């Protein structure tokens, strides 16, 4: 799991990733992609905490969607 403690489903297209080892602060970099090329949308990281990050998977047409995602985070731990 490479430092992923849990992935919490907060609703459609809304999830929180919890880290096994907290980052030293709330300023770290997270990158991601999603695995559905049949819809247009974007991934947005909206809430950073030392122990987690929350992300939204939004559709250009409105609303959110659940799709397979991949993320990587970089920073001081």
Protein backbone atom coordinates (compact mmCIF):
# COMPACT_ATOMS: atom_id res chain seq x y z
CA UNK A 1 0.00 0.00 0.00
CA UNK A 2 3.07 2.28 0.16
CA UNK A 3 1.97 4.47 3.07
CA UNK A 4 -1.79 4.26 2.42
CA UNK A 5 -3.55 3.52 5.70
CA UNK A 6 -7.10 3.70 4.37
CA UNK A 7 -9.21 5.09 1.56
CA UNK A 8 -12.51 6.44 2.85
CA UNK A 9 -15.54 6.74 0.58
CA UNK A 10 -17.10 10.10 1.43
CA UNK A 11 -19.72 9.92 -1.35
CA UNK A 12 -19.83 9.66 -5.13
CA UNK A 13 -16.50 10.89 -6.49
CA UNK A 14 -15.44 12.08 -3.03
CA UNK A 15 -12.76 10.24 -1.07
CA UNK A 16 -10.17 10.74 1.62
CA UNK A 17 -6.80 8.99 1.57
CA UNK A 18 -5.30 8.46 5.03
CA UNK A 19 -1.54 8.01 5.39
CA UNK A 20 0.15 5.33 7.52
CA UNK A 21 2.89 7.85 8.35
CA UNK A 22 1.82 11.49 8.57
CA UNK A 23 3.59 14.15 6.59
CA UNK A 24 5.57 16.67 8.64
CA UNK A 25 3.22 19.48 7.61
CA UNK A 26 0.22 20.17 5.39
CA UNK A 27 2.26 21.46 2.45
CA UNK A 28 3.16 18.43 0.33
CA UNK A 29 2.59 17.54 -3.30
CA UNK A 30 0.00 15.04 -4.51
CA UNK A 31 -0.44 14.00 -8.14
CA UNK A 32 -3.03 11.68 -9.59
CA UNK A 33 -4.82 10.28 -12.58
CA UNK A 34 -8.04 8.45 -13.18
CA UNK A 35 -8.69 5.39 -15.28
CA UNK A 36 -11.82 6.26 -17.25
CA UNK A 37 -11.35 7.78 -20.69
CA UNK A 38 -15.05 7.63 -21.57
CA UNK A 39 -16.01 10.79 -19.64
CA UNK A 40 -14.55 14.28 -19.37
CA UNK A 41 -13.67 15.55 -15.93
CA UNK A 42 -10.92 16.28 -13.48
CA UNK A 43 -9.41 15.26 -10.13
CA UNK A 44 -9.06 17.97 -7.53
CA UNK A 45 -7.24 17.66 -4.19
CA UNK A 46 -9.27 19.92 -1.92
CA UNK A 47 -8.24 19.33 1.71
CA UNK A 48 -4.68 18.66 2.88
CA UNK A 49 -3.94 17.49 6.43
CA UNK A 50 -0.71 15.98 7.75
CA UNK A 51 -2.44 12.59 7.98
CA UNK A 52 -4.71 12.67 4.92
CA UNK A 53 -5.77 14.30 1.68
CA UNK A 54 -9.31 14.60 0.31
CA UNK A 55 -10.02 14.49 -3.40
CA UNK A 56 -13.00 15.06 -5.68
CA UNK A 57 -13.56 13.40 -9.07
CA UNK A 58 -15.74 15.89 -10.92
CA UNK A 59 -17.40 15.59 -14.31
CA UNK A 60 -17.24 18.48 -16.77
CA UNK A 61 -20.97 17.94 -17.38
CA UNK A 62 -21.68 18.38 -13.65
CA UNK A 63 -21.70 16.08 -10.66
CA UNK A 64 -19.08 13.62 -9.51
CA UNK A 65 -18.13 10.10 -10.58
CA UNK A 66 -16.51 7.01 -9.07
CA UNK A 67 -13.62 5.75 -11.18
CA UNK A 68 -10.33 3.94 -10.61
CA UNK A 69 -7.60 6.39 -9.58
CA UNK A 70 -3.87 6.43 -8.88
CA UNK A 71 -2.11 8.93 -6.63
CA UNK A 72 1.41 9.65 -5.41
CA UNK A 73 2.37 12.05 -2.62
CA UNK A 74 5.73 13.70 -1.98
CA UNK A 75 6.92 15.62 1.06
CA UNK A 76 8.69 15.48 4.43
CA UNK A 77 7.56 12.77 6.82
